[in-house]
Amino acid sequence: MQIRQIAAQQNIPDRYLEQLLATLRRGGIVKSQRGSKGGYLLTRDPWKINLFEILACLEGLDKVNKNEGETQFKTADGSVIGEIWQEACQAANSVLATYTLADLCEKRDARRHLNIMYYI
């Protein structure tokens, strides 16, 4: 799809969307195609791309996760809070890793189907 189409459908400013797509392209999640029929395409099937990959690409989680083990807390309080925070992050990341783009589309379509109102 072209940026203008995505921006209009999702109500996202063009410039912001350009930045997101450029980051996703560098991360290997989307690729760009030039020309009159150009736009952005997924590099893999939607059921092969999980939400953790996307979030890691956009937010730079790979860098954060590598540094987690290196963090030295100066107090016992900080150490306890740090351990709990790491556990919470790992739990959130495992949930994100279980859902794919295809799962999101299925959930969205199911929700849209439930929201259909019939008037007589």
N, C-alpha and C. Protein backbone atom coordinates (compact mmCIF):
# COMPACT_ATOMS: atom_id res chain seq x y z
N MET A 1 0.83 -1.18 0.00
CA MET A 1 0.00 0.00 0.00
C MET A 1 0.88 1.25 0.00
N GLN A 2 0.33 2.31 -0.49
CA GLN A 2 1.04 3.58 -0.49
C GLN A 2 0.83 4.29 0.85
N ILE A 3 1.80 5.12 1.20
CA ILE A 3 1.75 5.82 2.48
C ILE A 3 0.46 6.63 2.61
N ARG A 4 0.07 7.30 1.54
CA ARG A 4 -1.15 8.12 1.59
C ARG A 4 -2.38 7.28 1.93
N GLN A 5 -2.46 6.08 1.36
CA GLN A 5 -3.59 5.20 1.62
C GLN A 5 -3.60 4.75 3.08
N ILE A 6 -2.44 4.32 3.57
CA ILE A 6 -2.34 3.84 4.95
C ILE A 6 -2.67 4.98 5.91
N ALA A 7 -2.10 6.15 5.66
CA ALA A 7 -2.31 7.31 6.53
C ALA A 7 -3.79 7.68 6.59
N ALA A 8 -4.46 7.66 5.45
CA ALA A 8 -5.87 8.01 5.41
C ALA A 8 -6.73 6.97 6.14
N GLN A 9 -6.45 5.69 5.90
CA GLN A 9 -7.24 4.63 6.51
C GLN A 9 -7.04 4.56 8.02
N GLN A 10 -5.83 4.82 8.48
CA GLN A 10 -5.51 4.67 9.90
C GLN A 10 -5.49 6.00 10.66
N ASN A 11 -5.72 7.09 9.94
CA ASN A 11 -5.72 8.43 10.55
C ASN A 11 -4.37 8.72 11.25
N ILE A 12 -3.29 8.50 10.51
CA ILE A 12 -1.94 8.74 11.00
C ILE A 12 -1.31 9.82 10.11
N PRO A 13 -0.64 10.81 10.68
CA PRO A 13 0.02 11.81 9.84
C PRO A 13 1.06 11.18 8.91
N ASP A 14 1.11 11.67 7.67
CA ASP A 14 2.02 11.12 6.65
C ASP A 14 3.47 11.08 7.12
N ARG A 15 3.94 12.17 7.66
CA ARG A 15 5.35 12.27 8.07
C ARG A 15 5.70 11.25 9.15
N TYR A 16 4.82 11.11 10.12
CA TYR A 16 5.06 10.14 11.19
C TYR A 16 5.07 8.72 10.63
N LEU A 17 4.12 8.43 9.75
CA LEU A 17 4.04 7.12 9.12
C LEU A 17 5.28 6.83 8.30
N GLU A 18 5.81 7.83 7.61
CA GLU A 18 7.05 7.66 6.84
C GLU A 18 8.19 7.22 7.76
N GLN A 19 8.29 7.83 8.92
CA GLN A 19 9.34 7.48 9.88
C GLN A 19 9.17 6.04 10.38
N LEU A 20 7.93 5.67 10.70
CA LEU A 20 7.67 4.31 11.17
C LEU A 20 8.02 3.29 10.10
N LEU A 21 7.58 3.54 8.87
CA LEU A 21 7.85 2.60 7.79
C LEU A 21 9.33 2.51 7.46
N ALA A 22 10.04 3.62 7.56
CA ALA A 22 11.49 3.60 7.32
C ALA A 22 12.17 2.72 8.37
N THR A 23 11.75 2.83 9.62
CA THR A 23 12.32 2.00 10.68
C THR A 23 11.98 0.53 10.45
N LEU A 24 10.75 0.25 10.08
CA LEU A 24 10.35 -1.14 9.81
C LEU A 24 11.09 -1.70 8.59
N ARG A 25 11.36 -0.84 7.63
CA ARG A 25 12.13 -1.29 6.44
C ARG A 25 13.55 -1.65 6.84
N ARG A 26 14.18 -0.79 7.65
CA ARG A 26 15.54 -1.09 8.12
C ARG A 26 15.57 -2.36 8.97
N GLY A 27 14.47 -2.63 9.67
CA GLY A 27 14.39 -3.83 10.50
C GLY A 27 14.01 -5.08 9.73
N GLY A 28 13.74 -4.94 8.44
CA GLY A 28 13.44 -6.10 7.61
C GLY A 28 12.00 -6.59 7.71
N ILE A 29 11.10 -5.78 8.24
CA ILE A 29 9.71 -6.21 8.38
C ILE A 29 8.88 -5.83 7.16
N VAL A 30 9.20 -4.67 6.57
CA VAL A 30 8.54 -4.26 5.33
C VAL A 30 9.62 -3.94 4.29
N LYS A 31 9.19 -3.91 3.04
CA LYS A 31 10.08 -3.47 1.97
C LYS A 31 9.33 -2.46 1.13
N SER A 32 10.07 -1.57 0.51
CA SER A 32 9.43 -0.55 -0.32
C SER A 32 9.59 -0.93 -1.78
N GLN A 33 8.59 -0.54 -2.55
CA GLN A 33 8.59 -0.79 -3.98
C GLN A 33 8.33 0.54 -4.67
N ARG A 34 9.22 0.90 -5.58
CA ARG A 34 9.11 2.18 -6.27
C ARG A 34 8.19 2.05 -7.49
N GLY A 35 7.77 3.21 -7.96
CA GLY A 35 6.97 3.24 -9.18
C GLY A 35 5.54 3.68 -8.92
N SER A 36 4.78 3.76 -10.01
CA SER A 36 3.41 4.25 -9.90
C SER A 36 2.53 3.31 -9.07
N LYS A 37 2.82 2.04 -9.08
CA LYS A 37 2.10 1.06 -8.27
C LYS A 37 2.88 0.71 -7.01
N GLY A 38 3.84 1.56 -6.67
CA GLY A 38 4.71 1.29 -5.53
C GLY A 38 4.03 1.51 -4.20
N GLY A 39 4.78 1.19 -3.17
CA GLY A 39 4.27 1.32 -1.81
C GLY A 39 5.09 0.44 -0.89
N TYR A 40 4.47 -0.03 0.17
CA TYR A 40 5.15 -0.87 1.14
C TYR A 40 4.48 -2.23 1.21
N LEU A 41 5.32 -3.25 1.32
CA LEU A 41 4.86 -4.64 1.40
C LEU A 41 5.53 -5.31 2.59
N LEU A 42 4.86 -6.30 3.17
CA LEU A 42 5.49 -7.10 4.21
C LEU A 42 6.55 -7.99 3.58
N THR A 43 7.63 -8.22 4.27
CA THR A 43 8.69 -9.07 3.74
C THR A 43 8.40 -10.55 3.94
N ARG A 44 7.50 -10.85 4.88
CA ARG A 44 7.11 -12.24 5.15
C ARG A 44 5.59 -12.30 5.27
N ASP A 45 5.07 -13.49 5.32
CA ASP A 45 3.64 -13.67 5.52
C ASP A 45 3.23 -13.13 6.89
N PRO A 46 2.01 -12.60 7.01
CA PRO A 46 1.58 -11.98 8.26
C PRO A 46 1.59 -12.94 9.45
N TRP A 47 1.41 -14.23 9.21
CA TRP A 47 1.42 -15.19 10.32
C TRP A 47 2.83 -15.56 10.75
N LYS A 48 3.83 -15.01 10.07
CA LYS A 48 5.22 -15.26 10.44
C LYS A 48 5.88 -14.06 11.11
N ILE A 49 5.12 -12.98 11.29
CA ILE A 49 5.66 -11.76 11.92
C ILE A 49 4.90 -11.56 13.23
N ASN A 50 5.61 -11.67 14.35
CA ASN A 50 4.92 -11.48 15.63
C ASN A 50 5.05 -10.05 16.12
N LEU A 51 4.20 -9.70 17.06
CA LEU A 51 4.14 -8.32 17.55
C LEU A 51 5.42 -7.91 18.29
N PHE A 52 6.07 -8.87 18.93
CA PHE A 52 7.31 -8.54 19.62
C PHE A 52 8.37 -8.08 18.63
N GLU A 53 8.45 -8.72 17.47
CA GLU A 53 9.41 -8.31 16.45
C GLU A 53 9.18 -6.86 16.02
N ILE A 54 7.92 -6.53 15.83
CA ILE A 54 7.58 -5.17 15.39
C ILE A 54 7.92 -4.16 16.47
N LEU A 55 7.51 -4.46 17.69
CA LEU A 55 7.79 -3.55 18.79
C LEU A 55 9.29 -3.42 19.03
N ALA A 56 10.01 -4.52 18.94
CA ALA A 56 11.46 -4.48 19.11
C ALA A 56 12.10 -3.61 18.04
N CYS A 57 11.60 -3.71 16.83
CA CYS A 57 12.13 -2.90 15.72
C CYS A 57 11.84 -1.42 15.96
N LEU A 58 10.61 -1.10 16.29
CA LEU A 58 10.22 0.31 16.45
C LEU A 58 10.79 0.96 17.71
N GLU A 59 10.85 0.19 18.79
CA GLU A 59 11.27 0.76 20.06
C GLU A 59 12.73 0.46 20.41
N GLY A 60 13.39 -0.37 19.62
CA GLY A 60 14.77 -0.70 19.91
C GLY A 60 14.92 -1.61 21.12
N LEU A 61 14.01 -2.56 21.30
CA LEU A 61 14.03 -3.43 22.47
C LEU A 61 15.24 -4.35 22.50
N ASP A 62 15.81 -4.66 21.33
CA ASP A 62 16.99 -5.53 21.30
C ASP A 62 18.11 -4.91 22.12
N LYS A 63 18.31 -3.62 21.97
CA LYS A 63 19.37 -2.93 22.70
C LYS A 63 19.09 -2.92 24.19
N VAL A 64 17.81 -2.70 24.56
CA VAL A 64 17.44 -2.67 25.97
C VAL A 64 17.64 -4.04 26.61
N ASN A 65 17.20 -5.11 25.93
CA ASN A 65 17.30 -6.45 26.49
C ASN A 65 18.75 -6.88 26.66
N LYS A 66 19.64 -6.47 25.78
CA LYS A 66 21.04 -6.83 25.91
C LYS A 66 21.67 -6.17 27.13
N ASN A 67 21.21 -4.97 27.48
CA ASN A 67 21.79 -4.23 28.60
C ASN A 67 21.15 -4.58 29.94
N GLU A 68 20.05 -5.33 29.96
CA GLU A 68 19.36 -5.63 31.20
C GLU A 68 20.25 -6.35 32.19
N GLY A 69 20.97 -7.35 31.72
CA GLY A 69 21.83 -8.12 32.60
C GLY A 69 23.01 -7.34 33.12
N GLU A 70 23.38 -6.27 32.44
CA GLU A 70 24.55 -5.49 32.82
C GLU A 70 24.24 -4.42 33.87
N THR A 71 22.93 -4.17 34.11
CA THR A 71 22.54 -3.11 35.02
C THR A 71 22.94 -3.47 36.44
N GLN A 72 23.66 -2.58 37.10
CA GLN A 72 24.07 -2.78 38.48
C GLN A 72 23.27 -1.83 39.36
N PHE A 73 22.53 -2.41 40.30
CA PHE A 73 21.76 -1.59 41.21
C PHE A 73 22.60 -1.32 42.45
N LYS A 74 22.53 -0.08 42.93
CA LYS A 74 23.38 0.34 44.04
C LYS A 74 22.79 -0.02 45.39
N THR A 75 21.47 -0.27 45.46
CA THR A 75 20.85 -0.60 46.73
C THR A 75 20.07 -1.90 46.60
N ALA A 76 19.75 -2.49 47.76
CA ALA A 76 18.95 -3.71 47.76
C ALA A 76 17.55 -3.41 47.23
N ASP A 77 17.01 -2.24 47.58
CA ASP A 77 15.69 -1.84 47.10
C ASP A 77 15.68 -1.76 45.57
N GLY A 78 16.69 -1.11 45.02
CA GLY A 78 16.79 -0.98 43.57
C GLY A 78 16.94 -2.33 42.90
N SER A 79 17.66 -3.23 43.53
CA SER A 79 17.87 -4.56 42.98
C SER A 79 16.56 -5.34 42.92
N VAL A 80 15.78 -5.27 43.99
CA VAL A 80 14.50 -5.98 44.04
C VAL A 80 13.55 -5.41 42.99
N ILE A 81 13.46 -4.10 42.91
CA ILE A 81 12.59 -3.47 41.92
C ILE A 81 13.05 -3.81 40.51
N GLY A 82 14.35 -3.80 40.29
CA GLY A 82 14.89 -4.14 38.98
C GLY A 82 14.56 -5.57 38.56
N GLU A 83 14.65 -6.51 39.50
CA GLU A 83 14.33 -7.90 39.19
C GLU A 83 12.85 -8.06 38.84
N ILE A 84 11.98 -7.39 39.60
CA ILE A 84 10.54 -7.47 39.32
C ILE A 84 10.24 -6.82 37.98
N TRP A 85 10.88 -5.70 37.71
CA TRP A 85 10.67 -5.02 36.42
C TRP A 85 11.11 -5.91 35.26
N GLN A 86 12.24 -6.58 35.40
CA GLN A 86 12.71 -7.48 34.35
C GLN A 86 11.74 -8.63 34.14
N GLU A 87 11.21 -9.17 35.23
CA GLU A 87 10.24 -10.25 35.13
C GLU A 87 8.97 -9.79 34.40
N ALA A 88 8.51 -8.58 34.73
CA ALA A 88 7.32 -8.03 34.08
C ALA A 88 7.58 -7.81 32.59
N CYS A 89 8.74 -7.30 32.25
CA CYS A 89 9.09 -7.09 30.84
C CYS A 89 9.15 -8.40 30.08
N GLN A 90 9.73 -9.42 30.68
CA GLN A 90 9.81 -10.73 30.04
C GLN A 90 8.42 -11.32 29.81
N ALA A 91 7.52 -11.15 30.80
CA ALA A 91 6.16 -11.65 30.65
C ALA A 91 5.44 -10.92 29.51
N ALA A 92 5.57 -9.60 29.47
CA ALA A 92 4.94 -8.82 28.40
C ALA A 92 5.51 -9.22 27.05
N ASN A 93 6.81 -9.39 26.97
CA ASN A 93 7.43 -9.77 25.70
C ASN A 93 6.97 -11.15 25.24
N SER A 94 6.78 -12.07 26.17
CA SER A 94 6.33 -13.41 25.76
C SER A 94 4.89 -13.36 25.25
N VAL A 95 4.04 -12.50 25.82
CA VAL A 95 2.68 -12.34 25.31
C VAL A 95 2.73 -11.76 23.90
N LEU A 96 3.51 -10.71 23.71
CA LEU A 96 3.63 -10.10 22.39
C LEU A 96 4.16 -11.08 21.35
N ALA A 97 5.05 -11.97 21.77
CA ALA A 97 5.63 -12.94 20.84
C ALA A 97 4.62 -14.01 20.42
N THR A 98 3.54 -14.18 21.17
CA THR A 98 2.56 -15.21 20.81
C THR A 98 1.57 -14.74 19.76
N TYR A 99 1.44 -13.43 19.55
CA TYR A 99 0.50 -12.90 18.57
C TYR A 99 1.21 -12.45 17.31
N THR A 100 0.59 -12.75 16.17
CA THR A 100 1.14 -12.34 14.88
C THR A 100 0.25 -11.27 14.25
N LEU A 101 0.73 -10.71 13.15
CA LEU A 101 -0.09 -9.75 12.41
C LEU A 101 -1.39 -10.39 11.93
N ALA A 102 -1.32 -11.65 11.52
CA ALA A 102 -2.52 -12.35 11.08
C ALA A 102 -3.52 -12.46 12.23
N ASP A 103 -3.03 -12.72 13.45
CA ASP A 103 -3.91 -12.79 14.62
C ASP A 103 -4.62 -11.46 14.84
N LEU A 104 -3.88 -10.36 14.69
CA LEU A 104 -4.49 -9.04 14.86
C LEU A 104 -5.61 -8.82 13.85
N CYS A 105 -5.36 -9.19 12.61
CA CYS A 105 -6.38 -9.02 11.57
C CYS A 105 -7.62 -9.86 11.87
N GLU A 106 -7.41 -11.09 12.33
CA GLU A 106 -8.54 -11.95 12.66
C GLU A 106 -9.35 -11.37 13.81
N LYS A 107 -8.67 -10.87 14.84
CA LYS A 107 -9.36 -10.27 15.98
C LYS A 107 -10.12 -9.01 15.56
N ARG A 108 -9.49 -8.20 14.71
CA ARG A 108 -10.15 -6.99 14.23
C ARG A 108 -11.40 -7.34 13.43
N ASP A 109 -11.28 -8.30 12.52
CA ASP A 109 -12.42 -8.69 11.69
C ASP A 109 -13.55 -9.26 12.55
N ALA A 110 -13.20 -10.06 13.55
CA ALA A 110 -14.22 -10.62 14.45
C ALA A 110 -14.91 -9.50 15.23
N ARG A 111 -14.16 -8.54 15.69
CA ARG A 111 -14.74 -7.42 16.44
C ARG A 111 -15.64 -6.59 15.54
N ARG A 112 -15.22 -6.36 14.30
CA ARG A 112 -16.06 -5.60 13.37
C ARG A 112 -17.37 -6.33 13.10
N HIS A 113 -17.26 -7.65 12.98
CA HIS A 113 -18.44 -8.45 12.72
C HIS A 113 -19.43 -8.37 13.89
N LEU A 114 -18.92 -8.35 15.12
CA LEU A 114 -19.78 -8.24 16.30
C LEU A 114 -20.43 -6.88 16.42
N ASN A 115 -19.76 -5.84 15.90
CA ASN A 115 -20.27 -4.48 16.03
C ASN A 115 -21.30 -4.10 14.98
N ILE A 116 -21.59 -5.02 14.08
CA ILE A 116 -22.59 -4.73 13.04
C ILE A 116 -23.96 -4.68 13.70
N MET A 117 -24.67 -3.59 13.47
CA MET A 117 -26.00 -3.41 14.03
C MET A 117 -27.01 -3.59 12.89
N TYR A 118 -28.04 -4.31 13.19
CA TYR A 118 -29.11 -4.50 12.21
C TYR A 118 -30.32 -3.70 12.69
N TYR A 119 -30.81 -2.83 11.83
CA TYR A 119 -31.96 -2.02 12.15
C TYR A 119 -33.15 -2.46 11.33
N ILE A 120 -34.28 -2.49 11.95
CA ILE A 120 -35.51 -2.88 11.25
C ILE A 120 -36.41 -1.67 11.12
